[in-house]
């Protein structure tokens, strides 16, 4: 379960959120409830969301509920985190990673 600082995205809200101009980058975590490494990333993403609040946003897409979105971005392994800015893919990370690594990646693209 995501904190209140992490957006839950679906097919309806995804395009609007990643394309939002002037709101800085958004890191989208493609995950599934049954995925152990995804569950390990959840508290890390919560911390990053709090740490970078106002400079970047964090969103989550459940690949089981949004298979078309996962296919659109070629998600073959989860967790996969894609950083978008103004609707464009900036960077991607597959697998678990640290809070510091994610924060540095986002900082490279933050307004």
PDB file of N, CA and C in Angstrom:
ATOM      1  N   UNK A   1       0.841  -1.186   0.000  1.00  0.00           N
ATOM      2  CA  UNK A   1       0.000   0.000   0.000  1.00  0.00           C
ATOM      3  C   UNK A   1       0.886   1.249   0.000  1.00  0.00           C
ATOM      4  N   UNK A   2       0.589   2.154  -0.886  1.00  0.00           N
ATOM      5  CA  UNK A   2       1.388   3.374  -1.044  1.00  0.00           C
ATOM      6  C   UNK A   2       0.981   4.420  -0.013  1.00  0.00           C
ATOM      7  N   UNK A   3       1.928   5.267   0.339  1.00  0.00           N
ATOM      8  CA  UNK A   3       1.624   6.367   1.248  1.00  0.00           C
ATOM      9  C   UNK A   3       0.819   7.418   0.504  1.00  0.00           C
ATOM     10  N   UNK A   4       0.347   8.417   1.235  1.00  0.00           N
ATOM     11  CA  UNK A   4      -0.437   9.486   0.601  1.00  0.00           C
ATOM     12  C   UNK A   4       0.423  10.345  -0.320  1.00  0.00           C
ATOM     13  N   UNK A   5       1.744  10.246  -0.216  1.00  0.00           N
ATOM     14  CA  UNK A   5       2.637  11.012  -1.080  1.00  0.00           C
ATOM     15  C   UNK A   5       2.927  10.304  -2.405  1.00  0.00           C
ATOM     16  N   UNK A   6       2.449   9.081  -2.571  1.00  0.00           N
ATOM     17  CA  UNK A   6       2.672   8.309  -3.793  1.00  0.00           C
ATOM     18  C   UNK A   6       1.338   8.168  -4.526  1.00  0.00           C
ATOM     19  N   UNK A   7       1.324   8.554  -5.803  1.00  0.00           N
ATOM     20  CA  UNK A   7       0.114   8.493  -6.616  1.00  0.00           C
ATOM     21  C   UNK A   7      -0.127   7.069  -7.113  1.00  0.00           C
ATOM     22  N   UNK A   8      -1.373   6.640  -7.083  1.00  0.00           N
ATOM     23  CA  UNK A   8      -1.747   5.375  -7.703  1.00  0.00           C
ATOM     24  C   UNK A   8      -2.259   5.713  -9.089  1.00  0.00           C
ATOM     25  N   UNK A   9      -1.559   5.195 -10.109  1.00  0.00           N
ATOM     26  CA  UNK A   9      -1.900   5.520 -11.490  1.00  0.00           C
ATOM     27  C   UNK A   9      -2.561   4.340 -12.177  1.00  0.00           C
ATOM     28  N   UNK A  10      -3.468   4.657 -13.109  1.00  0.00           N
ATOM     29  CA  UNK A  10      -4.107   3.634 -13.927  1.00  0.00           C
ATOM     30  C   UNK A  10      -4.178   4.150 -15.358  1.00  0.00           C
ATOM     31  N   UNK A  11      -4.822   3.412 -16.214  1.00  0.00           N
ATOM     32  CA  UNK A  11      -4.886   3.780 -17.629  1.00  0.00           C
ATOM     33  C   UNK A  11      -5.489   5.171 -17.825  1.00  0.00           C
ATOM     34  N   UNK A  12      -6.428   5.563 -16.986  1.00  0.00           N
ATOM     35  CA  UNK A  12      -7.087   6.868 -17.134  1.00  0.00           C
ATOM     36  C   UNK A  12      -6.192   8.020 -16.678  1.00  0.00           C
ATOM     37  N   UNK A  13      -5.489   7.851 -15.589  1.00  0.00           N
ATOM     38  CA  UNK A  13      -4.724   8.956 -15.005  1.00  0.00           C
ATOM     39  C   UNK A  13      -3.269   9.010 -15.473  1.00  0.00           C
ATOM     40  N   UNK A  14      -2.761   7.933 -16.032  1.00  0.00           N
ATOM     41  CA  UNK A  14      -1.351   7.836 -16.358  1.00  0.00           C
ATOM     42  C   UNK A  14      -0.874   8.941 -17.300  1.00  0.00           C
ATOM     43  N   UNK A  15      -1.474   9.065 -18.472  1.00  0.00           N
ATOM     44  CA  UNK A  15      -1.027  10.044 -19.467  1.00  0.00           C
ATOM     45  C   UNK A  15      -1.085  11.465 -18.923  1.00  0.00           C
ATOM     46  N   UNK A  16      -2.162  11.776 -18.221  1.00  0.00           N
ATOM     47  CA  UNK A  16      -2.309  13.124 -17.649  1.00  0.00           C
ATOM     48  C   UNK A  16      -1.187  13.423 -16.663  1.00  0.00           C
ATOM     49  N   UNK A  17      -0.873  12.466 -15.808  1.00  0.00           N
ATOM     50  CA  UNK A  17       0.154  12.688 -14.786  1.00  0.00           C
ATOM     51  C   UNK A  17       1.561  12.790 -15.377  1.00  0.00           C
ATOM     52  N   UNK A  18       1.909  11.918 -16.334  1.00  0.00           N
ATOM     53  CA  UNK A  18       3.281  11.966 -16.864  1.00  0.00           C
ATOM     54  C   UNK A  18       3.497  13.155 -17.790  1.00  0.00           C
ATOM     55  N   UNK A  19       2.409  13.705 -18.325  1.00  0.00           N
ATOM     56  CA  UNK A  19       2.522  14.816 -19.275  1.00  0.00           C
ATOM     57  C   UNK A  19       2.329  16.182 -18.628  1.00  0.00           C
ATOM     58  N   UNK A  20       2.070  16.216 -17.343  1.00  0.00           N
ATOM     59  CA  UNK A  20       1.796  17.476 -16.652  1.00  0.00           C
ATOM     60  C   UNK A  20       3.020  18.388 -16.721  1.00  0.00           C
ATOM     61  N   UNK A  21       2.879  19.493 -17.422  1.00  0.00           N
ATOM     62  CA  UNK A  21       3.978  20.447 -17.615  1.00  0.00           C
ATOM     63  C   UNK A  21       4.222  21.254 -16.331  1.00  0.00           C
ATOM     64  N   UNK A  22       5.472  21.545 -16.091  1.00  0.00           N
ATOM     65  CA  UNK A  22       5.824  22.419 -14.974  1.00  0.00           C
ATOM     66  C   UNK A  22       5.743  21.796 -13.601  1.00  0.00           C
ATOM     67  N   UNK A  23       5.432  20.516 -13.517  1.00  0.00           N
ATOM     68  CA  UNK A  23       5.321  19.884 -12.194  1.00  0.00           C
ATOM     69  C   UNK A  23       6.545  19.047 -11.866  1.00  0.00           C
ATOM     70  N   UNK A  24       7.571  19.163 -12.692  1.00  0.00           N
ATOM     71  CA  UNK A  24       8.792  18.395 -12.454  1.00  0.00           C
ATOM     72  C   UNK A  24       8.631  16.965 -12.907  1.00  0.00           C
ATOM     73  N   UNK A  25       9.665  16.180 -12.696  1.00  0.00           N
ATOM     74  CA  UNK A  25       9.627  14.786 -13.143  1.00  0.00           C
ATOM     75  C   UNK A  25       8.711  13.929 -12.266  1.00  0.00           C
ATOM     76  N   UNK A  26       8.300  12.813 -12.833  1.00  0.00           N
ATOM     77  CA  UNK A  26       7.535  11.823 -12.073  1.00  0.00           C
ATOM     78  C   UNK A  26       8.187  10.460 -12.287  1.00  0.00           C
ATOM     79  N   UNK A  27       8.492   9.805 -11.184  1.00  0.00           N
ATOM     80  CA  UNK A  27       9.047   8.458 -11.215  1.00  0.00           C
ATOM     81  C   UNK A  27       7.884   7.487 -11.075  1.00  0.00           C
ATOM     82  N   UNK A  28       7.714   6.625 -12.076  1.00  0.00           N
ATOM     83  CA  UNK A  28       6.610   5.665 -12.061  1.00  0.00           C
ATOM     84  C   UNK A  28       7.163   4.264 -11.813  1.00  0.00           C
ATOM     85  N   UNK A  29       6.654   3.641 -10.765  1.00  0.00           N
ATOM     86  CA  UNK A  29       7.040   2.280 -10.386  1.00  0.00           C
ATOM     87  C   UNK A  29       6.009   1.314 -10.961  1.00  0.00           C
ATOM     88  N   UNK A  30       6.457   0.445 -11.861  1.00  0.00           N
ATOM     89  CA  UNK A  30       5.616  -0.632 -12.386  1.00  0.00           C
ATOM     90  C   UNK A  30       5.843  -1.831 -11.479  1.00  0.00           C
ATOM     91  N   UNK A  31       4.784  -2.307 -10.826  1.00  0.00           N
ATOM     92  CA  UNK A  31       4.912  -3.293  -9.764  1.00  0.00           C
ATOM     93  C   UNK A  31       3.711  -4.229  -9.761  1.00  0.00           C
ATOM     94  N   UNK A  32       3.732  -5.224  -8.869  1.00  0.00           N
ATOM     95  CA  UNK A  32       2.592  -6.110  -8.630  1.00  0.00           C
ATOM     96  C   UNK A  32       2.595  -6.519  -7.163  1.00  0.00           C
ATOM     97  N   UNK A  33       1.414  -6.768  -6.647  1.00  0.00           N
ATOM     98  CA  UNK A  33       1.243  -7.132  -5.239  1.00  0.00           C
ATOM     99  C   UNK A  33       2.025  -8.397  -4.868  1.00  0.00           C
ATOM    100  N   UNK A  34       2.094  -9.361  -5.747  1.00  0.00           N
ATOM    101  CA  UNK A  34       2.733 -10.652  -5.486  1.00  0.00           C
ATOM    102  C   UNK A  34       4.256 -10.610  -5.588  1.00  0.00           C
ATOM    103  N   UNK A  35       4.813  -9.497  -6.021  1.00  0.00           N
ATOM    104  CA  UNK A  35       6.247  -9.371  -6.292  1.00  0.00           C
ATOM    105  C   UNK A  35       7.011  -8.971  -5.024  1.00  0.00           C
ATOM    106  N   UNK A  36       7.855  -9.883  -4.533  1.00  0.00           N
ATOM    107  CA  UNK A  36       8.646  -9.608  -3.327  1.00  0.00           C
ATOM    108  C   UNK A  36       9.549  -8.391  -3.455  1.00  0.00           C
ATOM    109  N   UNK A  37      10.361  -8.294  -4.512  1.00  0.00           N
ATOM    110  CA  UNK A  37      11.211  -7.112  -4.665  1.00  0.00           C
ATOM    111  C   UNK A  37      10.396  -5.808  -4.766  1.00  0.00           C
ATOM    112  N   UNK A  38       9.209  -5.895  -5.344  1.00  0.00           N
ATOM    113  CA  UNK A  38       8.332  -4.706  -5.422  1.00  0.00           C
ATOM    114  C   UNK A  38       7.923  -4.260  -4.017  1.00  0.00           C
ATOM    115  N   UNK A  39       7.605  -5.225  -3.176  1.00  0.00           N
ATOM    116  CA  UNK A  39       7.224  -4.891  -1.796  1.00  0.00           C
ATOM    117  C   UNK A  39       8.408  -4.285  -1.036  1.00  0.00           C
ATOM    118  N   UNK A  40       9.633  -4.735  -1.357  1.00  0.00           N
ATOM    119  CA  UNK A  40      10.826  -4.147  -0.734  1.00  0.00           C
ATOM    120  C   UNK A  40      11.009  -2.687  -1.159  1.00  0.00           C
ATOM    121  N   UNK A  41      10.616  -2.361  -2.389  1.00  0.00           N
ATOM    122  CA  UNK A  41      10.790  -0.999  -2.903  1.00  0.00           C
ATOM    123  C   UNK A  41       9.752  -0.024  -2.343  1.00  0.00           C
ATOM    124  N   UNK A  42       8.610  -0.511  -1.911  1.00  0.00           N
ATOM    125  CA  UNK A  42       7.521   0.372  -1.476  1.00  0.00           C
ATOM    126  C   UNK A  42       7.951   1.379  -0.400  1.00  0.00           C
ATOM    127  N   UNK A  43       8.589   0.965   0.709  1.00  0.00           N
ATOM    128  CA  UNK A  43       8.983   1.956   1.707  1.00  0.00           C
ATOM    129  C   UNK A  43      10.075   2.902   1.196  1.00  0.00           C
ATOM    130  N   UNK A  44      10.913   2.426   0.297  1.00  0.00           N
ATOM    131  CA  UNK A  44      11.951   3.288  -0.284  1.00  0.00           C
ATOM    132  C   UNK A  44      11.306   4.372  -1.134  1.00  0.00           C
ATOM    133  N   UNK A  45      10.322   3.987  -1.936  1.00  0.00           N
ATOM    134  CA  UNK A  45       9.612   4.967  -2.761  1.00  0.00           C
ATOM    135  C   UNK A  45       8.847   5.970  -1.900  1.00  0.00           C
ATOM    136  N   UNK A  46       8.282   5.491  -0.797  1.00  0.00           N
ATOM    137  CA  UNK A  46       7.600   6.400   0.130  1.00  0.00           C
ATOM    138  C   UNK A  46       8.569   7.453   0.668  1.00  0.00           C
ATOM    139  N   UNK A  47       9.773   7.029   1.038  1.00  0.00           N
ATOM    140  CA  UNK A  47      10.784   7.962   1.558  1.00  0.00           C
ATOM    141  C   UNK A  47      11.210   8.963   0.491  1.00  0.00           C
ATOM    142  N   UNK A  48      11.401   8.485  -0.742  1.00  0.00           N
ATOM    143  CA  UNK A  48      11.790   9.381  -1.839  1.00  0.00           C
ATOM    144  C   UNK A  48      10.684  10.405  -2.097  1.00  0.00           C
ATOM    145  N   UNK A  49       9.433   9.970  -2.031  1.00  0.00           N
ATOM    146  CA  UNK A  49       8.303  10.879  -2.253  1.00  0.00           C
ATOM    147  C   UNK A  49       8.298  12.000  -1.239  1.00  0.00           C
ATOM    148  N   UNK A  50       8.562  11.669   0.020  1.00  0.00           N
ATOM    149  CA  UNK A  50       8.599  12.685   1.081  1.00  0.00           C
ATOM    150  C   UNK A  50       9.825  13.582   0.894  1.00  0.00           C
ATOM    151  N   UNK A  51      10.946  12.973   0.624  1.00  0.00           N
ATOM    152  CA  UNK A  51      12.212  13.697   0.480  1.00  0.00           C
ATOM    153  C   UNK A  51      12.173  14.720  -0.667  1.00  0.00           C
ATOM    154  N   UNK A  52      11.533  14.370  -1.771  1.00  0.00           N
ATOM    155  CA  UNK A  52      11.540  15.234  -2.953  1.00  0.00           C
ATOM    156  C   UNK A  52      10.202  15.926  -3.202  1.00  0.00           C
ATOM    157  N   UNK A  53       9.349  15.931  -2.202  1.00  0.00           N
ATOM    158  CA  UNK A  53       8.039  16.570  -2.342  1.00  0.00           C
ATOM    159  C   UNK A  53       8.202  18.014  -2.799  1.00  0.00           C
ATOM    160  N   UNK A  54       7.443  18.378  -3.828  1.00  0.00           N
ATOM    161  CA  UNK A  54       7.511  19.730  -4.364  1.00  0.00           C
ATOM    162  C   UNK A  54       8.484  19.854  -5.525  1.00  0.00           C
ATOM    163  N   UNK A  55       9.400  18.880  -5.644  1.00  0.00           N
ATOM    164  CA  UNK A  55      10.364  18.897  -6.755  1.00  0.00           C
ATOM    165  C   UNK A  55      10.107  17.781  -7.751  1.00  0.00           C
ATOM    166  N   UNK A  56       9.503  16.701  -7.278  1.00  0.00           N
ATOM    167  CA  UNK A  56       9.219  15.546  -8.123  1.00  0.00           C
ATOM    168  C   UNK A  56       8.054  14.781  -7.514  1.00  0.00           C
ATOM    169  N   UNK A  57       7.466  13.916  -8.315  1.00  0.00           N
ATOM    170  CA  UNK A  57       6.355  13.089  -7.844  1.00  0.00           C
ATOM    171  C   UNK A  57       6.700  11.619  -8.062  1.00  0.00           C
ATOM    172  N   UNK A  58       6.046  10.771  -7.284  1.00  0.00           N
ATOM    173  CA  UNK A  58       6.210   9.327  -7.385  1.00  0.00           C
ATOM    174  C   UNK A  58       4.831   8.736  -7.661  1.00  0.00           C
ATOM    175  N   UNK A  59       4.772   7.826  -8.638  1.00  0.00           N
ATOM    176  CA  UNK A  59       3.527   7.138  -8.958  1.00  0.00           C
ATOM    177  C   UNK A  59       3.766   5.645  -9.049  1.00  0.00           C
ATOM    178  N   UNK A  60       2.682   4.881  -8.927  1.00  0.00           N
ATOM    179  CA  UNK A  60       2.776   3.420  -9.000  1.00  0.00           C
ATOM    180  C   UNK A  60       1.713   2.915  -9.971  1.00  0.00           C
ATOM    181  N   UNK A  61       2.119   1.959 -10.816  1.00  0.00           N
ATOM    182  CA  UNK A  61       1.203   1.298 -11.740  1.00  0.00           C
ATOM    183  C   UNK A  61       1.232  -0.195 -11.445  1.00  0.00           C
ATOM    184  N   UNK A  62       0.094  -0.754 -11.075  1.00  0.00           N
ATOM    185  CA  UNK A  62      -0.026  -2.194 -10.848  1.00  0.00           C
ATOM    186  C   UNK A  62      -0.103  -2.864 -12.222  1.00  0.00           C
ATOM    187  N   UNK A  63       0.920  -3.648 -12.567  1.00  0.00           N
ATOM    188  CA  UNK A  63       0.980  -4.245 -13.906  1.00  0.00           C
ATOM    189  C   UNK A  63      -0.113  -5.290 -14.126  1.00  0.00           C
ATOM    190  N   UNK A  64      -0.613  -5.910 -13.067  1.00  0.00           N
ATOM    191  CA  UNK A  64      -1.691  -6.882 -13.222  1.00  0.00           C
ATOM    192  C   UNK A  64      -2.995  -6.201 -13.612  1.00  0.00           C
ATOM    193  N   UNK A  65      -3.213  -5.014 -13.093  1.00  0.00           N
ATOM    194  CA  UNK A  65      -4.440  -4.266 -13.386  1.00  0.00           C
ATOM    195  C   UNK A  65      -4.306  -3.368 -14.606  1.00  0.00           C
ATOM    196  N   UNK A  66      -3.087  -3.134 -15.061  1.00  0.00           N
ATOM    197  CA  UNK A  66      -2.837  -2.218 -16.179  1.00  0.00           C
ATOM    198  C   UNK A  66      -1.850  -2.845 -17.163  1.00  0.00           C
ATOM    199  N   UNK A  67      -2.214  -3.997 -17.694  1.00  0.00           N
ATOM    200  CA  UNK A  67      -1.322  -4.755 -18.567  1.00  0.00           C
ATOM    201  C   UNK A  67      -0.973  -3.995 -19.850  1.00  0.00           C
ATOM    202  N   UNK A  68      -1.901  -3.210 -20.377  1.00  0.00           N
ATOM    203  CA  UNK A  68      -1.637  -2.460 -21.605  1.00  0.00           C
ATOM    204  C   UNK A  68      -0.546  -1.409 -21.375  1.00  0.00           C
ATOM    205  N   UNK A  69      -0.565  -0.754 -20.208  1.00  0.00           N
ATOM    206  CA  UNK A  69       0.479   0.228 -19.896  1.00  0.00           C
ATOM    207  C   UNK A  69       1.840  -0.454 -19.770  1.00  0.00           C
ATOM    208  N   UNK A  70       1.863  -1.580 -19.111  1.00  0.00           N
ATOM    209  CA  UNK A  70       3.120  -2.317 -18.964  1.00  0.00           C
ATOM    210  C   UNK A  70       3.657  -2.722 -20.336  1.00  0.00           C
ATOM    211  N   UNK A  71       2.786  -3.180 -21.207  1.00  0.00           N
ATOM    212  CA  UNK A  71       3.203  -3.585 -22.550  1.00  0.00           C
ATOM    213  C   UNK A  71       3.698  -2.389 -23.357  1.00  0.00           C
ATOM    214  N   UNK A  72       3.034  -1.251 -23.213  1.00  0.00           N
ATOM    215  CA  UNK A  72       3.415  -0.042 -23.952  1.00  0.00           C
ATOM    216  C   UNK A  72       4.866   0.350 -23.679  1.00  0.00           C
ATOM    217  N   UNK A  73       5.318   0.148 -22.451  1.00  0.00           N
ATOM    218  CA  UNK A  73       6.678   0.533 -22.065  1.00  0.00           C
ATOM    219  C   UNK A  73       7.635  -0.657 -22.012  1.00  0.00           C
ATOM    220  N   UNK A  74       7.197  -1.800 -22.527  1.00  0.00           N
ATOM    221  CA  UNK A  74       8.066  -2.960 -22.629  1.00  0.00           C
ATOM    222  C   UNK A  74       8.514  -3.520 -21.294  1.00  0.00           C
ATOM    223  N   UNK A  75       7.649  -3.434 -20.297  1.00  0.00           N
ATOM    224  CA  UNK A  75       8.000  -3.934 -18.967  1.00  0.00           C
ATOM    225  C   UNK A  75       8.052  -5.456 -19.003  1.00  0.00           C
ATOM    226  N   UNK A  76       9.257  -5.993 -18.808  1.00  0.00           N
ATOM    227  CA  UNK A  76       9.453  -7.440 -18.823  1.00  0.00           C
ATOM    228  C   UNK A  76       9.760  -7.984 -17.424  1.00  0.00           C
ATOM    229  N   UNK A  77      10.301  -7.132 -16.556  1.00  0.00           N
ATOM    230  CA  UNK A  77      10.636  -7.517 -15.186  1.00  0.00           C
ATOM    231  C   UNK A  77      10.146  -6.423 -14.255  1.00  0.00           C
ATOM    232  N   UNK A  78       9.732  -6.829 -13.069  1.00  0.00           N
ATOM    233  CA  UNK A  78       9.318  -5.842 -12.072  1.00  0.00           C
ATOM    234  C   UNK A  78      10.099  -6.082 -10.794  1.00  0.00           C
ATOM    235  N   UNK A  79      10.341  -5.039 -10.027  1.00  0.00           N
ATOM    236  CA  UNK A  79       9.927  -3.671 -10.293  1.00  0.00           C
ATOM    237  C   UNK A  79      10.758  -3.025 -11.405  1.00  0.00           C
ATOM    238  N   UNK A  80      10.085  -2.215 -12.207  1.00  0.00           N
ATOM    239  CA  UNK A  80      10.746  -1.341 -13.168  1.00  0.00           C
ATOM    240  C   UNK A  80      10.268   0.064 -12.863  1.00  0.00           C
ATOM    241  N   UNK A  81      11.211   0.975 -12.703  1.00  0.00           N
ATOM    242  CA  UNK A  81      10.876   2.371 -12.423  1.00  0.00           C
ATOM    243  C   UNK A  81      11.329   3.223 -13.601  1.00  0.00           C
ATOM    244  N   UNK A  82      10.396   3.999 -14.140  1.00  0.00           N
ATOM    245  CA  UNK A  82      10.685   4.864 -15.278  1.00  0.00           C
ATOM    246  C   UNK A  82      10.479   6.307 -14.839  1.00  0.00           C
ATOM    247  N   UNK A  83      11.470   7.137 -15.116  1.00  0.00           N
ATOM    248  CA  UNK A  83      11.393   8.559 -14.796  1.00  0.00           C
ATOM    249  C   UNK A  83      10.942   9.308 -16.044  1.00  0.00           C
ATOM    250  N   UNK A  84       9.827  10.018 -15.911  1.00  0.00           N
ATOM    251  CA  UNK A  84       9.274  10.822 -17.001  1.00  0.00           C
ATOM    252  C   UNK A  84       9.420  12.297 -16.664  1.00  0.00           C
ATOM    253  N   UNK A  85       9.622  13.106 -17.691  1.00  0.00           N
ATOM    254  CA  UNK A  85       9.576  14.559 -17.545  1.00  0.00           C
ATOM    255  C   UNK A  85       8.891  15.099 -18.786  1.00  0.00           C
ATOM    256  N   UNK A  86       7.824  15.865 -18.583  1.00  0.00           N
ATOM    257  CA  UNK A  86       7.028  16.420 -19.682  1.00  0.00           C
ATOM    258  C   UNK A  86       6.610  15.338 -20.673  1.00  0.00           C
ATOM    259  N   UNK A  87       6.263  14.165 -20.156  1.00  0.00           N
ATOM    260  CA  UNK A  87       5.766  13.078 -20.979  1.00  0.00           C
ATOM    261  C   UNK A  87       6.828  12.226 -21.652  1.00  0.00           C
ATOM    262  N   UNK A  88       8.090  12.575 -21.467  1.00  0.00           N
ATOM    263  CA  UNK A  88       9.189  11.852 -22.111  1.00  0.00           C
ATOM    264  C   UNK A  88       9.923  10.964 -21.102  1.00  0.00           C
ATOM    265  N   UNK A  89      10.327   9.782 -21.555  1.00  0.00           N
ATOM    266  CA  UNK A  89      11.124   8.896 -20.703  1.00  0.00           C
ATOM    267  C   UNK A  89      12.523   9.482 -20.590  1.00  0.00           C
ATOM    268  N   UNK A  90      12.980   9.684 -19.357  1.00  0.00           N
ATOM    269  CA  UNK A  90      14.314  10.231 -19.116  1.00  0.00           C
ATOM    270  C   UNK A  90      15.302   9.136 -18.712  1.00  0.00           C
ATOM    271  N   UNK A  91      14.884   8.272 -17.782  1.00  0.00           N
ATOM    272  CA  UNK A  91      15.745   7.187 -17.301  1.00  0.00           C
ATOM    273  C   UNK A  91      14.869   6.035 -16.845  1.00  0.00           C
ATOM    274  N   UNK A  92      15.502   4.851 -16.707  1.00  0.00           N
ATOM    275  CA  UNK A  92      14.783   3.656 -16.275  1.00  0.00           C
ATOM    276  C   UNK A  92      15.687   2.806 -15.390  1.00  0.00           C
ATOM    277  N   UNK A  93      15.099   2.203 -14.368  1.00  0.00           N
ATOM    278  CA  UNK A  93      15.809   1.297 -13.468  1.00  0.00           C
ATOM    279  C   UNK A  93      14.985   0.023 -13.347  1.00  0.00           C
ATOM    280  N   UNK A  94      15.634  -1.123 -13.517  1.00  0.00           N
ATOM    281  CA  UNK A  94      14.965  -2.410 -13.350  1.00  0.00           C
ATOM    282  C   UNK A  94      15.546  -3.074 -12.112  1.00  0.00           C
ATOM    283  N   UNK A  95      14.661  -3.544 -11.237  1.00  0.00           N
ATOM    284  CA  UNK A  95      15.099  -4.204 -10.009  1.00  0.00           C
ATOM    285  C   UNK A  95      15.122  -3.247  -8.840  1.00  0.00           C
ATOM    286  N   UNK A  96      15.522  -3.760  -7.705  1.00  0.00           N
ATOM    287  CA  UNK A  96      15.560  -2.937  -6.499  1.00  0.00           C
ATOM    288  C   UNK A  96      16.771  -2.011  -6.537  1.00  0.00           C
ATOM    289  N   UNK A  97      16.634  -0.889  -5.867  1.00  0.00           N
ATOM    290  CA  UNK A  97      17.716   0.087  -5.780  1.00  0.00           C
ATOM    291  C   UNK A  97      17.544   0.880  -4.490  1.00  0.00           C
ATOM    292  N   UNK A  98      18.482   1.736  -4.201  1.00  0.00           N
ATOM    293  CA  UNK A  98      18.461   2.472  -2.935  1.00  0.00           C
ATOM    294  C   UNK A  98      17.725   3.802  -3.059  1.00  0.00           C
ATOM    295  N   UNK A  99      17.344   4.320  -1.910  1.00  0.00           N
ATOM    296  CA  UNK A  99      16.726   5.648  -1.844  1.00  0.00           C
ATOM    297  C   UNK A  99      17.671   6.691  -2.438  1.00  0.00           C
ATOM    298  N   UNK A 100      18.939   6.599  -2.083  1.00  0.00           N
ATOM    299  CA  UNK A 100      19.938   7.570  -2.541  1.00  0.00           C
ATOM    300  C   UNK A 100      20.080   7.532  -4.062  1.00  0.00           C
ATOM    301  N   UNK A 101      20.119   6.347  -4.624  1.00  0.00           N
ATOM    302  CA  UNK A 101      20.254   6.194  -6.069  1.00  0.00           C
ATOM    303  C   UNK A 101      19.053   6.802  -6.803  1.00  0.00           C
ATOM    304  N   UNK A 102      17.857   6.545  -6.300  1.00  0.00           N
ATOM    305  CA  UNK A 102      16.655   7.113  -6.919  1.00  0.00           C
ATOM    306  C   UNK A 102      16.637   8.632  -6.791  1.00  0.00           C
ATOM    307  N   UNK A 103      16.994   9.131  -5.617  1.00  0.00           N
ATOM    308  CA  UNK A 103      17.003  10.584  -5.397  1.00  0.00           C
ATOM    309  C   UNK A 103      17.993  11.267  -6.342  1.00  0.00           C
ATOM    310  N   UNK A 104      19.163  10.682  -6.522  1.00  0.00           N
ATOM    311  CA  UNK A 104      20.157  11.255  -7.440  1.00  0.00           C
ATOM    312  C   UNK A 104      19.651  11.252  -8.874  1.00  0.00           C
ATOM    313  N   UNK A 105      19.019  10.159  -9.277  1.00  0.00           N
ATOM    314  CA  UNK A 105      18.480  10.069 -10.628  1.00  0.00           C
ATOM    315  C   UNK A 105      17.429  11.155 -10.857  1.00  0.00           C
ATOM    316  N   UNK A 106      16.531  11.304  -9.900  1.00  0.00           N
ATOM    317  CA  UNK A 106      15.475  12.314 -10.025  1.00  0.00           C
ATOM    318  C   UNK A 106      16.065  13.722 -10.013  1.00  0.00           C
ATOM    319  N   UNK A 107      17.038  13.954  -9.136  1.00  0.00           N
ATOM    320  CA  UNK A 107      17.668  15.282  -9.042  1.00  0.00           C
ATOM    321  C   UNK A 107      18.289  15.731 -10.367  1.00  0.00           C
ATOM    322  N   UNK A 108      18.766  14.769 -11.157  1.00  0.00           N
ATOM    323  CA  UNK A 108      19.362  15.132 -12.462  1.00  0.00           C
ATOM    324  C   UNK A 108      18.340  15.758 -13.408  1.00  0.00           C
ATOM    325  N   UNK A 109      17.048  15.531 -13.148  1.00  0.00           N
ATOM    326  CA  UNK A 109      16.010  15.998 -14.053  1.00  0.00           C
ATOM    327  C   UNK A 109      15.009  16.941 -13.379  1.00  0.00           C
ATOM    328  N   UNK A 110      15.186  17.218 -12.099  1.00  0.00           N
ATOM    329  CA  UNK A 110      14.246  18.074 -11.371  1.00  0.00           C
ATOM    330  C   UNK A 110      14.403  19.527 -11.811  1.00  0.00           C
ATOM    331  N   UNK A 111      13.280  20.245 -11.695  1.00  0.00           N
ATOM    332  CA  UNK A 111      13.279  21.673 -12.075  1.00  0.00           C
ATOM    333  C   UNK A 111      14.028  22.492 -11.065  1.00  0.00           C
TER     334      UNK A 111
END
